[in-house]
Amino acid sequence: MEQAPPRRAAGTRGQAAGITEQAAGITEQAAGVTEQAAGITEQAAGVTEQATGVTEQAAGITEQAPLSKQQAPLTRNH
């Protein structure tokens, strides 16, 4: 008796090709997520930079405040 060629091999190859295609899609998605994360990190760095600038401005205003008080003329309300 002759044995029929196994059909499983063709099915398995098809499944392997499908899995490879899925893996490629997942890799592409992961690259997109990584790119988004890099963008978010860049935005966060910008926000931190802005916050530093605001803190510096606040420090400058605080430094000027005592001088303004000293320079203000003394007046009395009668």
N, C-alpha and C. Protein backbone atom coordinates (compact mmCIF):
# COMPACT_ATOMS: atom_id res chain seq x y z
N MET A 1 0.82 -1.19 0.00
CA MET A 1 0.00 0.00 0.00
C MET A 1 0.87 1.26 0.00
N GLU A 2 0.50 2.14 -0.85
CA GLU A 2 1.23 3.41 -0.89
C GLU A 2 0.60 4.37 0.11
N GLN A 3 1.45 5.15 0.69
CA GLN A 3 0.94 6.15 1.63
C GLN A 3 0.76 7.47 0.91
N ALA A 4 -0.32 8.15 1.24
CA ALA A 4 -0.57 9.47 0.64
C ALA A 4 0.40 10.46 1.26
N PRO A 5 0.86 11.44 0.48
CA PRO A 5 1.77 12.44 1.05
C PRO A 5 1.06 13.19 2.18
N PRO A 6 1.79 13.48 3.22
CA PRO A 6 1.14 14.16 4.36
C PRO A 6 0.65 15.55 3.97
N ARG A 7 -0.56 15.84 4.33
CA ARG A 7 -1.12 17.16 4.04
C ARG A 7 -0.74 18.17 5.12
N ARG A 8 -0.38 17.64 6.21
CA ARG A 8 -0.04 18.52 7.33
C ARG A 8 1.10 19.47 6.99
N ALA A 9 2.05 19.03 6.25
CA ALA A 9 3.22 19.86 5.96
C ALA A 9 2.81 21.16 5.29
N ALA A 10 1.92 21.09 4.33
CA ALA A 10 1.48 22.31 3.64
C ALA A 10 0.74 23.22 4.61
N GLY A 11 -0.10 22.63 5.45
CA GLY A 11 -0.83 23.43 6.43
C GLY A 11 0.10 24.08 7.43
N THR A 12 1.09 23.33 7.84
CA THR A 12 2.06 23.86 8.82
C THR A 12 2.86 25.00 8.21
N ARG A 13 3.23 24.85 6.94
CA ARG A 13 3.97 25.94 6.27
C ARG A 13 3.11 27.19 6.17
N GLY A 14 1.83 26.98 5.86
CA GLY A 14 0.91 28.11 5.79
C GLY A 14 0.76 28.79 7.14
N GLN A 15 0.68 27.98 8.20
CA GLN A 15 0.57 28.55 9.55
C GLN A 15 1.84 29.32 9.90
N ALA A 16 2.97 28.75 9.55
CA ALA A 16 4.26 29.41 9.84
C ALA A 16 4.34 30.75 9.13
N ALA A 17 3.88 30.77 7.88
CA ALA A 17 3.90 32.03 7.14
C ALA A 17 2.98 33.04 7.80
N GLY A 18 1.82 32.59 8.25
CA GLY A 18 0.88 33.49 8.94
C GLY A 18 1.46 34.03 10.23
N ILE A 19 2.12 33.16 10.98
CA ILE A 19 2.73 33.58 12.25
C ILE A 19 3.85 34.57 11.99
N THR A 20 4.64 34.33 10.95
CA THR A 20 5.73 35.26 10.59
C THR A 20 5.16 36.61 10.23
N GLU A 21 4.06 36.60 9.50
CA GLU A 21 3.41 37.85 9.10
C GLU A 21 2.88 38.60 10.33
N GLN A 22 2.29 37.85 11.27
CA GLN A 22 1.80 38.47 12.51
C GLN A 22 2.96 39.07 13.29
N ALA A 23 4.06 38.32 13.37
CA ALA A 23 5.23 38.81 14.11
C ALA A 23 5.76 40.09 13.49
N ALA A 24 5.76 40.15 12.17
CA ALA A 24 6.22 41.37 11.49
C ALA A 24 5.30 42.54 11.83
N GLY A 25 3.99 42.28 11.87
CA GLY A 25 3.04 43.33 12.23
C GLY A 25 3.24 43.80 13.65
N ILE A 26 3.48 42.87 14.57
CA ILE A 26 3.70 43.23 15.98
C ILE A 26 4.98 44.04 16.12
N THR A 27 6.01 43.64 15.38
CA THR A 27 7.29 44.38 15.42
C THR A 27 7.08 45.80 14.92
N GLU A 28 6.28 45.95 13.87
CA GLU A 28 5.99 47.28 13.32
C GLU A 28 5.22 48.13 14.35
N GLN A 29 4.26 47.50 15.03
CA GLN A 29 3.50 48.22 16.07
C GLN A 29 4.42 48.64 17.20
N ALA A 30 5.31 47.73 17.59
CA ALA A 30 6.25 48.05 18.68
C ALA A 30 7.13 49.23 18.30
N ALA A 31 7.55 49.27 17.04
CA ALA A 31 8.37 50.39 16.58
C ALA A 31 7.57 51.69 16.67
N GLY A 32 6.30 51.63 16.32
CA GLY A 32 5.44 52.82 16.42
C GLY A 32 5.28 53.28 17.86
N VAL A 33 5.10 52.32 18.77
CA VAL A 33 4.95 52.67 20.19
C VAL A 33 6.25 53.28 20.72
N THR A 34 7.37 52.72 20.29
CA THR A 34 8.68 53.25 20.71
C THR A 34 8.84 54.69 20.23
N GLU A 35 8.41 54.93 18.99
CA GLU A 35 8.49 56.28 18.42
C GLU A 35 7.60 57.24 19.21
N GLN A 36 6.41 56.79 19.58
CA GLN A 36 5.51 57.63 20.38
C GLN A 36 6.13 57.92 21.74
N ALA A 37 6.72 56.91 22.35
CA ALA A 37 7.35 57.09 23.66
C ALA A 37 8.48 58.11 23.57
N ALA A 38 9.24 58.06 22.49
CA ALA A 38 10.32 59.03 22.29
C ALA A 38 9.74 60.44 22.18
N GLY A 39 8.63 60.57 21.47
CA GLY A 39 7.97 61.88 21.35
C GLY A 39 7.49 62.39 22.69
N ILE A 40 6.92 61.49 23.49
CA ILE A 40 6.41 61.89 24.82
C ILE A 40 7.58 62.30 25.71
N THR A 41 8.68 61.56 25.62
CA THR A 41 9.87 61.91 26.42
C THR A 41 10.38 63.29 26.02
N GLU A 42 10.37 63.56 24.73
CA GLU A 42 10.81 64.86 24.22
C GLU A 42 9.89 65.97 24.74
N GLN A 43 8.59 65.72 24.74
CA GLN A 43 7.63 66.71 25.26
C GLN A 43 7.87 66.95 26.74
N ALA A 44 8.10 65.86 27.48
CA ALA A 44 8.34 65.98 28.92
C ALA A 44 9.59 66.81 29.19
N ALA A 45 10.61 66.62 28.37
CA ALA A 45 11.84 67.42 28.52
C ALA A 45 11.54 68.89 28.29
N GLY A 46 10.69 69.17 27.31
CA GLY A 46 10.30 70.57 27.04
C GLY A 46 9.54 71.17 28.20
N VAL A 47 8.64 70.40 28.79
CA VAL A 47 7.87 70.89 29.93
C VAL A 47 8.79 71.15 31.11
N THR A 48 9.74 70.24 31.32
CA THR A 48 10.71 70.42 32.42
C THR A 48 11.52 71.69 32.20
N GLU A 49 11.91 71.92 30.96
CA GLU A 49 12.67 73.13 30.62
C GLU A 49 11.85 74.38 30.91
N GLN A 50 10.56 74.35 30.54
CA GLN A 50 9.68 75.48 30.81
C GLN A 50 9.53 75.70 32.32
N ALA A 51 9.37 74.62 33.06
CA ALA A 51 9.23 74.73 34.51
C ALA A 51 10.48 75.34 35.13
N THR A 52 11.62 74.96 34.62
CA THR A 52 12.88 75.53 35.11
C THR A 52 12.90 77.03 34.85
N GLY A 53 12.46 77.43 33.67
CA GLY A 53 12.41 78.86 33.34
C GLY A 53 11.48 79.62 34.25
N VAL A 54 10.32 79.05 34.56
CA VAL A 54 9.36 79.69 35.46
C VAL A 54 9.96 79.81 36.86
N THR A 55 10.64 78.74 37.30
CA THR A 55 11.28 78.77 38.62
C THR A 55 12.34 79.87 38.68
N GLU A 56 13.11 79.99 37.60
CA GLU A 56 14.14 81.04 37.54
C GLU A 56 13.50 82.42 37.59
N GLN A 57 12.39 82.59 36.86
CA GLN A 57 11.69 83.88 36.88
C GLN A 57 11.18 84.18 38.29
N ALA A 58 10.61 83.18 38.94
CA ALA A 58 10.10 83.37 40.30
C ALA A 58 11.22 83.76 41.25
N ALA A 59 12.37 83.13 41.09
CA ALA A 59 13.52 83.47 41.93
C ALA A 59 13.95 84.92 41.68
N GLY A 60 13.92 85.35 40.42
CA GLY A 60 14.28 86.73 40.09
C GLY A 60 13.30 87.71 40.70
N ILE A 61 12.02 87.39 40.67
CA ILE A 61 11.00 88.28 41.26
C ILE A 61 11.18 88.35 42.76
N THR A 62 11.47 87.20 43.36
CA THR A 62 11.68 87.16 44.81
C THR A 62 12.88 88.00 45.20
N GLU A 63 13.93 87.95 44.39
CA GLU A 63 15.12 88.76 44.66
C GLU A 63 14.79 90.25 44.57
N GLN A 64 13.96 90.63 43.61
CA GLN A 64 13.63 92.03 43.41
C GLN A 64 12.67 92.55 44.47
N ALA A 65 11.86 91.70 45.05
CA ALA A 65 10.83 92.14 46.00
C ALA A 65 11.40 92.90 47.18
N PRO A 66 12.42 92.41 47.86
CA PRO A 66 12.96 93.20 48.99
C PRO A 66 13.49 94.56 48.55
N LEU A 67 14.07 94.64 47.37
CA LEU A 67 14.59 95.91 46.88
C LEU A 67 13.44 96.90 46.66
N SER A 68 12.36 96.42 46.13
CA SER A 68 11.21 97.28 45.89
C SER A 68 10.68 97.82 47.21
N LYS A 69 10.68 97.01 48.22
CA LYS A 69 10.19 97.45 49.54
C LYS A 69 11.10 98.54 50.11
N GLN A 70 12.39 98.33 49.96
CA GLN A 70 13.33 99.30 50.49
C GLN A 70 13.27 100.62 49.72
N GLN A 71 12.98 100.55 48.44
CA GLN A 71 12.97 101.74 47.62
C GLN A 71 11.65 102.50 47.71
N ALA A 72 10.64 101.86 48.23
CA ALA A 72 9.32 102.51 48.29
C ALA A 72 9.38 103.67 49.29
N PRO A 73 8.81 104.81 48.93
CA PRO A 73 8.83 105.95 49.86
C PRO A 73 7.92 105.67 51.05
N LEU A 74 8.33 106.16 52.17
CA LEU A 74 7.51 105.98 53.38
C LEU A 74 6.41 107.04 53.37
N THR A 75 5.22 106.64 53.42
CA THR A 75 4.09 107.58 53.46
C THR A 75 3.16 107.17 54.58
N ARG A 76 2.50 108.17 55.13
CA ARG A 76 1.51 107.89 56.18
C ARG A 76 0.17 108.39 55.72
N ASN A 77 -0.81 107.63 56.04
CA ASN A 77 -2.17 108.05 55.74
C ASN A 77 -2.74 108.75 56.97
N HIS A 78 -3.26 109.95 56.77
CA HIS A 78 -3.85 110.68 57.91
C HIS A 78 -5.33 110.75 57.75
